[in-house]
Each structure stands twice: as C-alpha cells, then as structure tokens.
Amino acid sequence: MSSITESAKAWLSIGGRIWIGPDNRLGSMISADRLFSLKLSDEEAERRMAISRAYNVTEDEHAATVATLVREYGQPTANCFILWQEA
C-alpha cells in the first residue's frame, strides 16, 4: 500500500484533489494550470505529467485502496463529499 499512498500524496503535492462523492464514487481532478502553465520549466512540467500519469494508473488499478485513504485522510465537506487535498 505504500506505493499507492506515495502515488496519491505525489498527486496531492502538485495540486490534485481526490474525493468520494455523496454517491460513494471516487473522483479526482487537477487544474490544467498545474500541469501546463507556461511558468513551469520543461523539466517540472514533465515531472508533474509523470506524477499525473502514475496516479491515474494507481486510481484505475487500486480504486478501493485509494478510497480507503480518502476516508482516512480526507475531510468532509458541507455538500457531503469527503475531500483529500494538500493543506
């Protein structure tokens, strides 16, 4: 599970968010600006894209474990989501 946790935390570190919705579905998103900003060096943009690709695979292959992590580390929101994001 540590590689799953590491992948999720890396995703959060670049501005990603992971949640469980009121319908109990796992979801995630990141602002395109966090990946494609012209302010990023080529190296940083590639590093962030690699993290994004790795997290997408992690979420696809280990959704139940990621959902457990969201329940453990996330915070409930007013609209009945559990949201895990970097503070």
N, C-alpha and C. Protein backbone atom coordinates (compact mmCIF):
# COMPACT_ATOMS: atom_id res chain seq x y z
N MET A 1 0.82 -1.20 0.00
CA MET A 1 0.00 0.00 0.00
C MET A 1 0.86 1.26 0.00
N SER A 2 2.10 1.17 0.41
CA SER A 2 2.93 2.37 0.49
C SER A 2 3.11 3.03 -0.89
N SER A 3 3.26 2.24 -1.95
CA SER A 3 3.40 2.86 -3.27
C SER A 3 2.09 3.52 -3.70
N ILE A 4 0.97 2.99 -3.27
CA ILE A 4 -0.33 3.61 -3.56
C ILE A 4 -0.43 4.93 -2.81
N THR A 5 -0.06 4.91 -1.55
CA THR A 5 -0.07 6.13 -0.74
C THR A 5 0.88 7.16 -1.31
N GLU A 6 2.08 6.73 -1.68
CA GLU A 6 3.06 7.65 -2.25
C GLU A 6 2.55 8.27 -3.55
N SER A 7 1.91 7.48 -4.38
CA SER A 7 1.37 8.00 -5.64
C SER A 7 0.28 9.03 -5.36
N ALA A 8 -0.61 8.74 -4.43
CA ALA A 8 -1.68 9.68 -4.09
C ALA A 8 -1.11 10.96 -3.49
N LYS A 9 -0.15 10.83 -2.60
CA LYS A 9 0.44 12.02 -1.98
C LYS A 9 1.21 12.86 -2.99
N ALA A 10 1.86 12.21 -3.95
CA ALA A 10 2.55 12.96 -5.01
C ALA A 10 1.53 13.74 -5.84
N TRP A 11 0.41 13.12 -6.14
CA TRP A 11 -0.68 13.78 -6.88
C TRP A 11 -1.17 15.00 -6.11
N LEU A 12 -1.37 14.84 -4.81
CA LEU A 12 -1.82 15.96 -3.99
C LEU A 12 -0.78 17.07 -3.95
N SER A 13 0.50 16.69 -3.95
CA SER A 13 1.58 17.68 -3.83
C SER A 13 1.67 18.61 -5.04
N ILE A 14 1.13 18.20 -6.17
CA ILE A 14 1.14 19.07 -7.34
C ILE A 14 -0.20 19.77 -7.55
N GLY A 15 -1.08 19.66 -6.55
CA GLY A 15 -2.35 20.38 -6.61
C GLY A 15 -3.56 19.53 -6.94
N GLY A 16 -3.37 18.22 -7.01
CA GLY A 16 -4.50 17.34 -7.28
C GLY A 16 -5.43 17.24 -6.09
N ARG A 17 -6.63 16.81 -6.34
CA ARG A 17 -7.63 16.55 -5.30
C ARG A 17 -8.23 15.18 -5.56
N ILE A 18 -8.57 14.51 -4.48
CA ILE A 18 -9.22 13.21 -4.57
C ILE A 18 -10.43 13.27 -3.64
N TRP A 19 -11.55 12.71 -4.09
CA TRP A 19 -12.75 12.77 -3.25
C TRP A 19 -13.60 11.52 -3.41
N ILE A 20 -14.50 11.39 -2.48
CA ILE A 20 -15.60 10.43 -2.58
C ILE A 20 -16.87 11.27 -2.51
N GLY A 21 -17.71 11.11 -3.52
CA GLY A 21 -18.93 11.90 -3.60
C GLY A 21 -20.07 11.30 -2.80
N PRO A 22 -21.16 12.02 -2.72
CA PRO A 22 -22.33 11.53 -1.98
C PRO A 22 -22.86 10.21 -2.55
N ASP A 23 -22.56 9.96 -3.81
CA ASP A 23 -22.97 8.70 -4.45
C ASP A 23 -21.96 7.58 -4.20
N ASN A 24 -20.96 7.86 -3.34
CA ASN A 24 -19.92 6.91 -2.95
C ASN A 24 -18.94 6.59 -4.07
N ARG A 25 -18.87 7.45 -5.08
CA ARG A 25 -17.92 7.26 -6.17
C ARG A 25 -16.63 8.02 -5.90
N LEU A 26 -15.54 7.40 -6.28
CA LEU A 26 -14.22 8.01 -6.17
C LEU A 26 -14.00 8.94 -7.36
N GLY A 27 -13.44 10.09 -7.12
CA GLY A 27 -13.13 11.02 -8.20
C GLY A 27 -11.85 11.77 -7.90
N SER A 28 -11.30 12.37 -8.93
CA SER A 28 -10.09 13.18 -8.76
C SER A 28 -10.04 14.22 -9.87
N MET A 29 -9.29 15.28 -9.59
CA MET A 29 -9.10 16.32 -10.60
C MET A 29 -7.87 17.14 -10.25
N ILE A 30 -7.41 17.85 -11.26
CA ILE A 30 -6.34 18.81 -11.08
C ILE A 30 -6.58 19.93 -12.08
N SER A 31 -6.26 21.12 -11.69
CA SER A 31 -6.37 22.25 -12.61
C SER A 31 -5.34 22.08 -13.72
N ALA A 32 -5.75 22.29 -14.94
CA ALA A 32 -4.82 22.18 -16.07
C ALA A 32 -3.63 23.11 -15.89
N ASP A 33 -3.85 24.22 -15.22
CA ASP A 33 -2.79 25.19 -14.98
C ASP A 33 -1.64 24.57 -14.16
N ARG A 34 -1.96 23.60 -13.33
CA ARG A 34 -0.93 22.94 -12.52
C ARG A 34 -0.01 22.06 -13.36
N LEU A 35 -0.50 21.66 -14.53
CA LEU A 35 0.28 20.77 -15.40
C LEU A 35 0.86 21.49 -16.62
N PHE A 36 0.15 22.50 -17.12
CA PHE A 36 0.51 23.08 -18.40
C PHE A 36 0.86 24.57 -18.35
N SER A 37 1.08 25.10 -17.18
CA SER A 37 1.40 26.52 -17.06
C SER A 37 2.70 26.84 -17.80
N LEU A 38 2.71 27.96 -18.50
CA LEU A 38 3.92 28.39 -19.19
C LEU A 38 4.99 28.82 -18.20
N LYS A 39 4.63 28.99 -16.96
CA LYS A 39 5.59 29.38 -15.92
C LYS A 39 6.44 28.21 -15.47
N LEU A 40 6.03 26.99 -15.81
CA LEU A 40 6.78 25.81 -15.40
C LEU A 40 7.95 25.56 -16.36
N SER A 41 9.06 25.12 -15.81
CA SER A 41 10.15 24.69 -16.68
C SER A 41 9.72 23.41 -17.38
N ASP A 42 10.38 23.07 -18.46
CA ASP A 42 10.07 21.83 -19.17
C ASP A 42 10.23 20.63 -18.25
N GLU A 43 11.28 20.66 -17.43
CA GLU A 43 11.54 19.55 -16.52
C GLU A 43 10.44 19.41 -15.49
N GLU A 44 9.99 20.54 -14.93
CA GLU A 44 8.93 20.50 -13.93
C GLU A 44 7.61 20.06 -14.55
N ALA A 45 7.33 20.53 -15.74
CA ALA A 45 6.10 20.12 -16.42
C ALA A 45 6.11 18.61 -16.67
N GLU A 46 7.23 18.08 -17.11
CA GLU A 46 7.33 16.63 -17.35
C GLU A 46 7.22 15.85 -16.04
N ARG A 47 7.83 16.36 -14.97
CA ARG A 47 7.73 15.70 -13.67
C ARG A 47 6.27 15.62 -13.22
N ARG A 48 5.56 16.72 -13.39
CA ARG A 48 4.16 16.74 -12.99
C ARG A 48 3.30 15.83 -13.87
N MET A 49 3.60 15.79 -15.15
CA MET A 49 2.86 14.88 -16.04
C MET A 49 3.12 13.42 -15.66
N ALA A 50 4.35 13.11 -15.30
CA ALA A 50 4.68 11.74 -14.87
C ALA A 50 3.91 11.38 -13.60
N ILE A 51 3.84 12.31 -12.66
CA ILE A 51 3.06 12.08 -11.44
C ILE A 51 1.59 11.87 -11.78
N SER A 52 1.08 12.68 -12.68
CA SER A 52 -0.32 12.58 -13.09
C SER A 52 -0.61 11.23 -13.74
N ARG A 53 0.25 10.82 -14.65
CA ARG A 53 0.06 9.51 -15.31
C ARG A 53 0.12 8.38 -14.29
N ALA A 54 1.09 8.45 -13.39
CA ALA A 54 1.23 7.39 -12.38
C ALA A 54 0.01 7.34 -11.47
N TYR A 55 -0.49 8.50 -11.08
CA TYR A 55 -1.68 8.50 -10.22
C TYR A 55 -2.89 7.95 -10.96
N ASN A 56 -3.06 8.29 -12.23
CA ASN A 56 -4.20 7.76 -13.00
C ASN A 56 -4.18 6.24 -13.02
N VAL A 57 -3.01 5.65 -13.19
CA VAL A 57 -2.88 4.19 -13.16
C VAL A 57 -3.22 3.66 -11.76
N THR A 58 -2.69 4.34 -10.74
CA THR A 58 -2.97 3.92 -9.36
C THR A 58 -4.47 3.95 -9.09
N GLU A 59 -5.14 5.02 -9.46
CA GLU A 59 -6.58 5.13 -9.21
C GLU A 59 -7.35 4.05 -9.97
N ASP A 60 -6.96 3.80 -11.22
CA ASP A 60 -7.63 2.77 -12.02
C ASP A 60 -7.44 1.37 -11.43
N GLU A 61 -6.22 1.07 -11.01
CA GLU A 61 -5.91 -0.29 -10.56
C GLU A 61 -6.18 -0.54 -9.08
N HIS A 62 -6.26 0.52 -8.28
CA HIS A 62 -6.38 0.36 -6.83
C HIS A 62 -7.43 1.29 -6.25
N ALA A 63 -8.56 1.41 -6.93
CA ALA A 63 -9.59 2.36 -6.52
C ALA A 63 -10.06 2.14 -5.09
N ALA A 64 -10.24 0.91 -4.69
CA ALA A 64 -10.73 0.63 -3.33
C ALA A 64 -9.73 1.09 -2.28
N THR A 65 -8.46 0.89 -2.54
CA THR A 65 -7.43 1.33 -1.59
C THR A 65 -7.34 2.85 -1.55
N VAL A 66 -7.42 3.49 -2.70
CA VAL A 66 -7.41 4.95 -2.74
C VAL A 66 -8.62 5.48 -1.98
N ALA A 67 -9.78 4.88 -2.15
CA ALA A 67 -10.98 5.31 -1.43
C ALA A 67 -10.79 5.18 0.08
N THR A 68 -10.14 4.12 0.52
CA THR A 68 -9.83 3.95 1.94
C THR A 68 -8.94 5.09 2.43
N LEU A 69 -7.95 5.46 1.64
CA LEU A 69 -7.07 6.57 2.00
C LEU A 69 -7.84 7.89 2.09
N VAL A 70 -8.75 8.12 1.16
CA VAL A 70 -9.57 9.33 1.19
C VAL A 70 -10.39 9.37 2.46
N ARG A 71 -10.97 8.24 2.83
CA ARG A 71 -11.77 8.19 4.07
C ARG A 71 -10.90 8.44 5.30
N GLU A 72 -9.66 7.98 5.23
CA GLU A 72 -8.75 8.13 6.37
C GLU A 72 -8.20 9.55 6.48
N TYR A 73 -7.79 10.13 5.37
CA TYR A 73 -7.10 11.42 5.39
C TYR A 73 -7.94 12.61 4.94
N GLY A 74 -9.06 12.34 4.30
CA GLY A 74 -9.88 13.42 3.77
C GLY A 74 -10.74 14.10 4.83
N GLN A 75 -11.33 15.20 4.42
CA GLN A 75 -12.20 15.98 5.30
C GLN A 75 -13.60 16.03 4.69
N PRO A 76 -14.63 15.86 5.52
CA PRO A 76 -15.99 16.01 4.99
C PRO A 76 -16.27 17.45 4.60
N THR A 77 -17.05 17.62 3.56
CA THR A 77 -17.44 18.96 3.12
C THR A 77 -18.92 19.17 3.40
N ALA A 78 -19.36 20.40 3.28
CA ALA A 78 -20.76 20.75 3.54
C ALA A 78 -21.71 20.07 2.55
N ASN A 79 -21.22 19.73 1.37
CA ASN A 79 -22.10 19.10 0.38
C ASN A 79 -21.91 17.58 0.31
N CYS A 80 -21.52 16.99 1.42
CA CYS A 80 -21.49 15.53 1.61
C CYS A 80 -20.40 14.82 0.81
N PHE A 81 -19.35 15.49 0.47
CA PHE A 81 -18.18 14.87 -0.13
C PHE A 81 -17.15 14.63 0.96
N ILE A 82 -16.25 13.72 0.72
CA ILE A 82 -15.04 13.59 1.54
C ILE A 82 -13.90 13.98 0.61
N LEU A 83 -13.19 15.04 0.95
CA LEU A 83 -12.19 15.62 0.08
C LEU A 83 -10.81 15.50 0.71
N TRP A 84 -9.89 14.96 -0.06
CA TRP A 84 -8.49 14.87 0.36
C TRP A 84 -7.68 15.76 -0.56
N GLN A 85 -7.07 16.77 0.02
CA GLN A 85 -6.22 17.68 -0.73
C GLN A 85 -5.12 18.15 0.18
N GLU A 86 -4.05 18.63 -0.42
CA GLU A 86 -2.95 19.14 0.37
C GLU A 86 -3.37 20.46 1.02
N ALA A 87 -3.01 20.63 2.26
CA ALA A 87 -3.43 21.83 3.00
C ALA A 87 -2.68 23.06 2.56
